[in-house]
PDB file of N, CA and C in Angstrom:
ATOM      1  N   MET A   1      27.649  23.072-109.851  1.00  0.00           N
ATOM      2  CA  MET A   1      26.810  23.406-108.761  1.00  0.00           C
ATOM      3  C   MET A   1      27.189  22.490-107.591  1.00  0.00           C
ATOM      4  N   PHE A   2      27.591  21.285-107.813  1.00  0.00           N
ATOM      5  CA  PHE A   2      27.944  20.431-106.666  1.00  0.00           C
ATOM      6  C   PHE A   2      29.412  20.567-106.139  1.00  0.00           C
ATOM      7  N   GLU A   3      30.212  21.287-107.007  1.00  0.00           N
ATOM      8  CA  GLU A   3      31.750  21.248-106.589  1.00  0.00           C
ATOM      9  C   GLU A   3      31.891  22.165-105.294  1.00  0.00           C
ATOM     10  N   THR A   4      30.795  22.881-104.781  1.00  0.00           N
ATOM     11  CA  THR A   4      30.954  23.641-103.636  1.00  0.00           C
ATOM     12  C   THR A   4      30.625  22.633-102.288  1.00  0.00           C
ATOM     13  N   LEU A   5      30.045  21.635-102.468  1.00  0.00           N
ATOM     14  CA  LEU A   5      29.745  20.604-101.503  1.00  0.00           C
ATOM     15  C   LEU A   5      30.855  19.938-100.849  1.00  0.00           C
ATOM     16  N   THR A   6      30.932  19.826 -99.546  1.00  0.00           N
ATOM     17  CA  THR A   6      31.858  19.057 -98.850  1.00  0.00           C
ATOM     18  C   THR A   6      31.357  17.775 -98.363  1.00  0.00           C
ATOM     19  N   LYS A   7      32.333  16.747 -98.165  1.00  0.00           N
ATOM     20  CA  LYS A   7      31.636  15.427 -97.834  1.00  0.00           C
ATOM     21  C   LYS A   7      31.451  15.559 -96.240  1.00  0.00           C
ATOM     22  N   ALA A   8      30.164  14.879 -96.081  1.00  0.00           N
ATOM     23  CA  ALA A   8      29.543  14.973 -94.622  1.00  0.00           C
ATOM     24  C   ALA A   8      30.531  13.952 -93.896  1.00  0.00           C
ATOM     25  N   ALA A   9      30.570  14.198 -92.599  1.00  0.00           N
ATOM     26  CA  ALA A   9      31.196  13.311 -91.675  1.00  0.00           C
ATOM     27  C   ALA A   9      30.555  12.112 -91.499  1.00  0.00           C
ATOM     28  N   GLY A  10      31.354  11.044 -91.425  1.00  0.00           N
ATOM     29  CA  GLY A  10      30.860   9.710 -91.367  1.00  0.00           C
ATOM     30  C   GLY A  10      30.019   9.444 -90.172  1.00  0.00           C
ATOM     31  N   ASP A  11      29.075   8.481 -90.404  1.00  0.00           N
ATOM     32  CA  ASP A  11      28.117   8.086 -89.226  1.00  0.00           C
ATOM     33  C   ASP A  11      28.980   7.272 -88.128  1.00  0.00           C
ATOM     34  N   LYS A  12      29.015   7.793 -86.969  1.00  0.00           N
ATOM     35  CA  LYS A  12      29.719   7.130 -85.925  1.00  0.00           C
ATOM     36  C   LYS A  12      29.249   5.733 -85.457  1.00  0.00           C
ATOM     37  N   ILE A  13      27.902   5.754 -85.522  1.00  0.00           N
ATOM     38  CA  ILE A  13      27.434   4.255 -85.126  1.00  0.00           C
ATOM     39  C   ILE A  13      27.742   3.228 -86.400  1.00  0.00           C
ATOM     40  N   LEU A  14      27.660   3.616 -87.498  1.00  0.00           N
ATOM     41  CA  LEU A  14      28.165   2.762 -88.521  1.00  0.00           C
ATOM     42  C   LEU A  14      29.645   2.466 -88.408  1.00  0.00           C
ATOM     43  N   ALA A  15      30.380   3.430 -88.163  1.00  0.00           N
ATOM     44  CA  ALA A  15      31.770   3.082 -87.911  1.00  0.00           C
ATOM     45  C   ALA A  15      32.149   2.269 -86.761  1.00  0.00           C
ATOM     46  N   LEU A  16      31.395   2.360 -85.578  1.00  0.00           N
ATOM     47  CA  LEU A  16      31.372   1.534 -84.531  1.00  0.00           C
ATOM     48  C   LEU A  16      31.057   0.085 -84.793  1.00  0.00           C
ATOM     49  N   MET A  17      29.963  -0.037 -85.701  1.00  0.00           N
ATOM     50  CA  MET A  17      29.669  -1.389 -86.269  1.00  0.00           C
ATOM     51  C   MET A  17      30.684  -2.075 -87.155  1.00  0.00           C
ATOM     52  N   GLY A  18      31.452  -1.163 -87.876  1.00  0.00           N
ATOM     53  CA  GLY A  18      32.403  -1.847 -88.627  1.00  0.00           C
ATOM     54  C   GLY A  18      33.634  -2.212 -87.933  1.00  0.00           C
ATOM     55  N   GLU A  19      33.877  -1.206 -86.900  1.00  0.00           N
ATOM     56  CA  GLU A  19      34.879  -1.688 -86.023  1.00  0.00           C
ATOM     57  C   GLU A  19      34.692  -3.127 -85.237  1.00  0.00           C
ATOM     58  N   TYR A  20      33.486  -3.236 -84.875  1.00  0.00           N
ATOM     59  CA  TYR A  20      33.075  -4.445 -84.209  1.00  0.00           C
ATOM     60  C   TYR A  20      33.199  -5.613 -85.144  1.00  0.00           C
ATOM     61  N   ALA A  21      32.810  -5.497 -86.333  1.00  0.00           N
ATOM     62  CA  ALA A  21      32.955  -6.651 -87.278  1.00  0.00           C
ATOM     63  C   ALA A  21      34.351  -6.939 -87.689  1.00  0.00           C
ATOM     64  N   ALA A  22      35.222  -5.819 -87.599  1.00  0.00           N
ATOM     65  CA  ALA A  22      36.502  -6.195 -87.983  1.00  0.00           C
ATOM     66  C   ALA A  22      37.473  -6.692 -86.740  1.00  0.00           C
ATOM     67  N   ASP A  23      36.913  -6.558 -85.500  1.00  0.00           N
ATOM     68  CA  ASP A  23      37.546  -7.176 -84.220  1.00  0.00           C
ATOM     69  C   ASP A  23      37.438  -8.682 -84.285  1.00  0.00           C
ATOM     70  N   SER A  24      38.469  -9.395 -84.219  1.00  0.00           N
ATOM     71  CA  SER A  24      38.385 -10.923 -84.199  1.00  0.00           C
ATOM     72  C   SER A  24      38.271 -11.493 -82.720  1.00  0.00           C
ATOM     73  N   ARG A  25      38.342 -10.693 -81.830  1.00  0.00           N
ATOM     74  CA  ARG A  25      38.095 -11.373 -80.475  1.00  0.00           C
ATOM     75  C   ARG A  25      36.746 -11.797 -80.226  1.00  0.00           C
ATOM     76  N   THR A  26      36.794 -13.009 -79.594  1.00  0.00           N
ATOM     77  CA  THR A  26      35.500 -13.704 -79.323  1.00  0.00           C
ATOM     78  C   THR A  26      34.750 -13.210 -78.159  1.00  0.00           C
ATOM     79  N   ASP A  27      35.449 -12.464 -77.207  1.00  0.00           N
ATOM     80  CA  ASP A  27      34.735 -12.007 -75.928  1.00  0.00           C
ATOM     81  C   ASP A  27      34.330 -10.574 -76.079  1.00  0.00           C
ATOM     82  N   LYS A  28      34.286 -10.065 -77.226  1.00  0.00           N
ATOM     83  CA  LYS A  28      33.772  -8.643 -77.476  1.00  0.00           C
ATOM     84  C   LYS A  28      32.290  -8.385 -77.143  1.00  0.00           C
ATOM     85  N   ILE A  29      31.969  -7.121 -76.932  1.00  0.00           N
ATOM     86  CA  ILE A  29      30.693  -6.697 -76.592  1.00  0.00           C
ATOM     87  C   ILE A  29      30.120  -5.790 -77.763  1.00  0.00           C
ATOM     88  N   ASP A  30      29.119  -5.988 -78.463  1.00  0.00           N
ATOM     89  CA  ASP A  30      28.657  -5.108 -79.419  1.00  0.00           C
ATOM     90  C   ASP A  30      27.892  -3.923 -78.870  1.00  0.00           C
ATOM     91  N   LEU A  31      28.598  -2.606 -79.110  1.00  0.00           N
ATOM     92  CA  LEU A  31      28.043  -1.378 -78.583  1.00  0.00           C
ATOM     93  C   LEU A  31      27.398  -0.611 -79.677  1.00  0.00           C
ATOM     94  N   GLY A  32      27.182  -1.271 -80.856  1.00  0.00           N
ATOM     95  CA  GLY A  32      26.488  -0.541 -81.984  1.00  0.00           C
ATOM     96  C   GLY A  32      25.168  -0.299 -81.875  1.00  0.00           C
ATOM     97  N   VAL A  33      24.406  -0.825 -82.692  1.00  0.00           N
ATOM     98  CA  VAL A  33      22.763  -0.752 -82.835  1.00  0.00           C
ATOM     99  C   VAL A  33      22.118  -1.055 -81.669  1.00  0.00           C
ATOM    100  N   GLY A  34      22.529  -2.144 -80.816  1.00  0.00           N
ATOM    101  CA  GLY A  34      21.833  -2.474 -79.700  1.00  0.00           C
ATOM    102  C   GLY A  34      20.729  -3.382 -79.751  1.00  0.00           C
ATOM    103  N   VAL A  35      20.818  -4.362 -80.745  1.00  0.00           N
ATOM    104  CA  VAL A  35      19.846  -5.262 -80.886  1.00  0.00           C
ATOM    105  C   VAL A  35      20.070  -6.569 -80.131  1.00  0.00           C
ATOM    106  N   TYR A  36      19.041  -7.279 -79.669  1.00  0.00           N
ATOM    107  CA  TYR A  36      19.316  -8.605 -78.983  1.00  0.00           C
ATOM    108  C   TYR A  36      20.026  -9.573 -80.012  1.00  0.00           C
ATOM    109  N   LYS A  37      20.999 -10.173 -79.388  1.00  0.00           N
ATOM    110  CA  LYS A  37      21.292 -11.376 -80.341  1.00  0.00           C
ATOM    111  C   LYS A  37      21.475 -12.509 -79.382  1.00  0.00           C
ATOM    112  N   ASP A  38      21.134 -13.763 -79.837  1.00  0.00           N
ATOM    113  CA  ASP A  38      21.255 -15.048 -79.015  1.00  0.00           C
ATOM    114  C   ASP A  38      22.574 -15.579 -78.995  1.00  0.00           C
ATOM    115  N   GLU A  39      22.848 -16.780 -78.212  1.00  0.00           N
ATOM    116  CA  GLU A  39      24.267 -17.133 -78.099  1.00  0.00           C
ATOM    117  C   GLU A  39      25.021 -17.523 -79.428  1.00  0.00           C
ATOM    118  N   THR A  40      24.044 -17.754 -80.522  1.00  0.00           N
ATOM    119  CA  THR A  40      24.809 -17.910 -81.813  1.00  0.00           C
ATOM    120  C   THR A  40      24.971 -16.775 -82.804  1.00  0.00           C
ATOM    121  N   GLY A  41      24.668 -15.659 -82.097  1.00  0.00           N
ATOM    122  CA  GLY A  41      24.855 -14.333 -82.837  1.00  0.00           C
ATOM    123  C   GLY A  41      23.576 -13.894 -83.623  1.00  0.00           C
ATOM    124  N   VAL A  42      22.448 -14.681 -83.635  1.00  0.00           N
ATOM    125  CA  VAL A  42      21.367 -14.429 -84.368  1.00  0.00           C
ATOM    126  C   VAL A  42      20.408 -13.617 -83.549  1.00  0.00           C
ATOM    127  N   THR A  43      19.839 -12.551 -84.267  1.00  0.00           N
ATOM    128  CA  THR A  43      18.713 -11.731 -83.697  1.00  0.00           C
ATOM    129  C   THR A  43      17.382 -12.397 -84.204  1.00  0.00           C
ATOM    130  N   PRO A  44      16.761 -12.962 -83.250  1.00  0.00           N
ATOM    131  CA  PRO A  44      15.522 -13.704 -83.573  1.00  0.00           C
ATOM    132  C   PRO A  44      14.517 -12.674 -84.048  1.00  0.00           C
ATOM    133  N   ILE A  45      13.518 -13.148 -84.942  1.00  0.00           N
ATOM    134  CA  ILE A  45      12.275 -12.301 -85.384  1.00  0.00           C
ATOM    135  C   ILE A  45      11.150 -12.759 -84.470  1.00  0.00           C
ATOM    136  N   MET A  46      10.511 -11.788 -83.669  1.00  0.00           N
ATOM    137  CA  MET A  46       9.326 -12.053 -82.986  1.00  0.00           C
ATOM    138  C   MET A  46       8.215 -12.534 -83.862  1.00  0.00           C
ATOM    139  N   SER A  47       7.398 -13.563 -83.238  1.00  0.00           N
ATOM    140  CA  SER A  47       6.302 -14.116 -84.022  1.00  0.00           C
ATOM    141  C   SER A  47       5.439 -12.908 -84.461  1.00  0.00           C
ATOM    142  N   SER A  48       5.173 -11.934 -83.610  1.00  0.00           N
ATOM    143  CA  SER A  48       4.259 -10.741 -83.946  1.00  0.00           C
ATOM    144  C   SER A  48       4.770  -9.918 -85.105  1.00  0.00           C
ATOM    145  N   VAL A  49       6.075  -9.865 -85.207  1.00  0.00           N
ATOM    146  CA  VAL A  49       6.669  -9.195 -86.415  1.00  0.00           C
ATOM    147  C   VAL A  49       6.347  -9.876 -87.579  1.00  0.00           C
ATOM    148  N   LYS A  50       6.695 -11.354 -87.621  1.00  0.00           N
ATOM    149  CA  LYS A  50       6.276 -12.200 -88.706  1.00  0.00           C
ATOM    150  C   LYS A  50       4.931 -12.151 -89.234  1.00  0.00           C
ATOM    151  N   LYS A  51       3.932 -12.076 -88.272  1.00  0.00           N
ATOM    152  CA  LYS A  51       2.609 -12.014 -88.476  1.00  0.00           C
ATOM    153  C   LYS A  51       2.358 -10.638 -89.189  1.00  0.00           C
ATOM    154  N   ALA A  52       2.772  -9.600 -88.614  1.00  0.00           N
ATOM    155  CA  ALA A  52       2.661  -8.251 -89.288  1.00  0.00           C
ATOM    156  C   ALA A  52       3.165  -8.202 -90.677  1.00  0.00           C
ATOM    157  N   GLU A  53       4.360  -8.732 -90.874  1.00  0.00           N
ATOM    158  CA  GLU A  53       5.065  -8.751 -92.196  1.00  0.00           C
ATOM    159  C   GLU A  53       4.039  -9.505 -93.093  1.00  0.00           C
ATOM    160  N   ALA A  54       3.532 -10.606 -92.731  1.00  0.00           N
ATOM    161  CA  ALA A  54       2.567 -11.502 -93.587  1.00  0.00           C
ATOM    162  C   ALA A  54       1.373 -10.713 -93.972  1.00  0.00           C
ATOM    163  N   ARG A  55       0.815 -10.020 -93.017  1.00  0.00           N
ATOM    164  CA  ARG A  55      -0.248  -9.093 -93.163  1.00  0.00           C
ATOM    165  C   ARG A  55      -0.059  -8.015 -94.240  1.00  0.00           C
ATOM    166  N   ILE A  56       1.014  -7.404 -94.130  1.00  0.00           N
ATOM    167  CA  ILE A  56       1.431  -6.300 -94.920  1.00  0.00           C
ATOM    168  C   ILE A  56       1.635  -6.878 -96.364  1.00  0.00           C
ATOM    169  N   LEU A  57       2.265  -8.066 -96.485  1.00  0.00           N
ATOM    170  CA  LEU A  57       2.528  -8.673 -97.779  1.00  0.00           C
ATOM    171  C   LEU A  57       1.170  -8.983 -98.478  1.00  0.00           C
ATOM    172  N   ALA A  58       0.281  -9.513 -97.672  1.00  0.00           N
ATOM    173  CA  ALA A  58      -0.991 -10.017 -98.147  1.00  0.00           C
ATOM    174  C   ALA A  58      -1.996  -8.848 -98.483  1.00  0.00           C
ATOM    175  N   ASP A  59      -1.899  -7.779 -97.733  1.00  0.00           N
ATOM    176  CA  ASP A  59      -2.791  -6.600 -98.088  1.00  0.00           C
ATOM    177  C   ASP A  59      -2.248  -5.618 -98.876  1.00  0.00           C
ATOM    178  N   GLY A  60      -0.800  -5.654 -99.227  1.00  0.00           N
ATOM    179  CA  GLY A  60      -0.235  -4.605 -99.859  1.00  0.00           C
ATOM    180  C   GLY A  60      -0.762  -4.462-101.270  1.00  0.00           C
ATOM    181  N   LYS A  61      -0.903  -3.163-101.664  1.00  0.00           N
ATOM    182  CA  LYS A  61      -1.453  -2.695-102.990  1.00  0.00           C
ATOM    183  C   LYS A  61      -0.379  -1.857-103.834  1.00  0.00           C
ATOM    184  N   THR A  62       0.780  -1.603-103.147  1.00  0.00           N
ATOM    185  CA  THR A  62       1.618  -0.760-103.862  1.00  0.00           C
ATOM    186  C   THR A  62       3.174  -0.981-103.273  1.00  0.00           C
ATOM    187  N   LYS A  63       4.257  -0.700-103.965  1.00  0.00           N
ATOM    188  CA  LYS A  63       5.342  -0.806-103.410  1.00  0.00           C
ATOM    189  C   LYS A  63       6.009   0.638-103.310  1.00  0.00           C
ATOM    190  N   THR A  64       5.265   1.596-103.248  1.00  0.00           N
ATOM    191  CA  THR A  64       5.574   3.156-103.083  1.00  0.00           C
ATOM    192  C   THR A  64       6.272   3.223-101.640  1.00  0.00           C
ATOM    193  N   TYR A  65       7.325   3.917-101.586  1.00  0.00           N
ATOM    194  CA  TYR A  65       8.122   4.108-100.299  1.00  0.00           C
ATOM    195  C   TYR A  65       7.579   5.314 -99.711  1.00  0.00           C
ATOM    196  N   LEU A  66       7.570   5.330 -98.401  1.00  0.00           N
ATOM    197  CA  LEU A  66       7.104   6.405 -97.641  1.00  0.00           C
ATOM    198  C   LEU A  66       8.388   7.583 -97.531  1.00  0.00           C
ATOM    199  N   GLY A  67       7.962   8.740 -97.496  1.00  0.00           N
ATOM    200  CA  GLY A  67       8.890   9.811 -97.310  1.00  0.00           C
ATOM    201  C   GLY A  67       9.542   9.761 -95.816  1.00  0.00           C
ATOM    202  N   ILE A  68      10.575  10.543 -95.643  1.00  0.00           N
ATOM    203  CA  ILE A  68      11.229  10.572 -94.332  1.00  0.00           C
ATOM    204  C   ILE A  68      10.250  10.713 -93.197  1.00  0.00           C
ATOM    205  N   ALA A  69       9.233  11.409 -93.223  1.00  0.00           N
ATOM    206  CA  ALA A  69       8.111  11.552 -92.143  1.00  0.00           C
ATOM    207  C   ALA A  69       7.340  10.266 -91.966  1.00  0.00           C
ATOM    208  N   GLY A  70       7.524   9.239 -92.930  1.00  0.00           N
ATOM    209  CA  GLY A  70       6.757   8.055 -92.563  1.00  0.00           C
ATOM    210  C   GLY A  70       5.169   8.126 -92.820  1.00  0.00           C
ATOM    211  N   ASN A  71       4.622   7.213 -92.211  1.00  0.00           N
ATOM    212  CA  ASN A  71       3.111   7.323 -92.330  1.00  0.00           C
ATOM    213  C   ASN A  71       2.600   8.410 -91.533  1.00  0.00           C
ATOM    214  N   LYS A  72       2.195   9.572 -92.220  1.00  0.00           N
ATOM    215  CA  LYS A  72       1.656  10.719 -91.495  1.00  0.00           C
ATOM    216  C   LYS A  72       0.369  10.414 -90.725  1.00  0.00           C
ATOM    217  N   ALA A  73      -0.381   9.632 -91.064  1.00  0.00           N
ATOM    218  CA  ALA A  73      -1.663   9.343 -90.383  1.00  0.00           C
ATOM    219  C   ALA A  73      -1.235   8.478 -89.130  1.00  0.00           C
ATOM    220  N   PHE A  74      -0.416   7.655 -89.188  1.00  0.00           N
ATOM    221  CA  PHE A  74       0.157   6.948 -87.972  1.00  0.00           C
ATOM    222  C   PHE A  74       0.543   7.798 -87.025  1.00  0.00           C
ATOM    223  N   GLY A  75       1.578   8.704 -87.385  1.00  0.00           N
ATOM    224  CA  GLY A  75       2.180   9.602 -86.581  1.00  0.00           C
ATOM    225  C   GLY A  75       1.095  10.494 -85.798  1.00  0.00           C
ATOM    226  N   ALA A  76       0.110  10.866 -86.572  1.00  0.00           N
ATOM    227  CA  ALA A  76      -0.952  11.754 -85.902  1.00  0.00           C
ATOM    228  C   ALA A  76      -1.643  11.023 -84.914  1.00  0.00           C
ATOM    229  N   ALA A  77      -2.007   9.724 -85.229  1.00  0.00           N
ATOM    230  CA  ALA A  77      -2.646   8.896 -84.276  1.00  0.00           C
ATOM    231  C   ALA A  77      -1.841   8.609 -83.026  1.00  0.00           C
ATOM    232  N   VAL A  78      -0.540   8.612 -83.071  1.00  0.00           N
ATOM    233  CA  VAL A  78       0.386   8.291 -81.986  1.00  0.00           C
ATOM    234  C   VAL A  78       0.389   9.499 -81.061  1.00  0.00           C
ATOM    235  N   LEU A  79       0.515  10.653 -81.790  1.00  0.00           N
ATOM    236  CA  LEU A  79       0.496  11.922 -80.960  1.00  0.00           C
ATOM    237  C   LEU A  79      -0.822  12.021 -80.281  1.00  0.00           C
ATOM    238  N   LYS A  80      -1.969  11.884 -81.003  1.00  0.00           N
ATOM    239  CA  LYS A  80      -3.172  11.957 -80.273  1.00  0.00           C
ATOM    240  C   LYS A  80      -3.279  10.909 -79.148  1.00  0.00           C
ATOM    241  N   ALA A  81      -2.955   9.848 -79.264  1.00  0.00           N
ATOM    242  CA  ALA A  81      -3.119   8.687 -78.242  1.00  0.00           C
ATOM    243  C   ALA A  81      -2.236   9.035 -77.027  1.00  0.00           C
ATOM    244  N   HIS A  82      -1.076   9.625 -77.185  1.00  0.00           N
ATOM    245  CA  HIS A  82      -0.065   9.953 -76.148  1.00  0.00           C
ATOM    246  C   HIS A  82      -0.247  11.211 -75.642  1.00  0.00           C
ATOM    247  N   PHE A  83      -0.590  12.243 -76.370  1.00  0.00           N
ATOM    248  CA  PHE A  83      -0.643  13.563 -75.990  1.00  0.00           C
ATOM    249  C   PHE A  83      -1.950  14.210 -76.011  1.00  0.00           C
ATOM    250  N   GLY A  84      -2.914  13.507 -76.600  1.00  0.00           N
ATOM    251  CA  GLY A  84      -4.324  14.111 -76.657  1.00  0.00           C
ATOM    252  C   GLY A  84      -4.433  15.225 -77.667  1.00  0.00           C
ATOM    253  N   ARG A  85      -3.576  15.174 -78.735  1.00  0.00           N
ATOM    254  CA  ARG A  85      -3.669  16.173 -79.765  1.00  0.00           C
ATOM    255  C   ARG A  85      -3.360  15.589 -81.054  1.00  0.00           C
TER     256      ARG A  85
END
């Protein structure tokens, strides 16, 4: 059944991130994912994110993962808030 499948093309952003990591130059610019990094190369975690993570951890009742669509109630609420539907 799977013998007819062909390998999917590689993800270009992941490839770019790999090239960045392999480049030893100190003056390079990261054009990959595009997250902020401070002068030491660390991406800081905002205090609001830490608070949200603590709340999720404290209130969590399951470790079930969401599907690709994510939280459908949240998506519907965003659509209603932005587009009135």
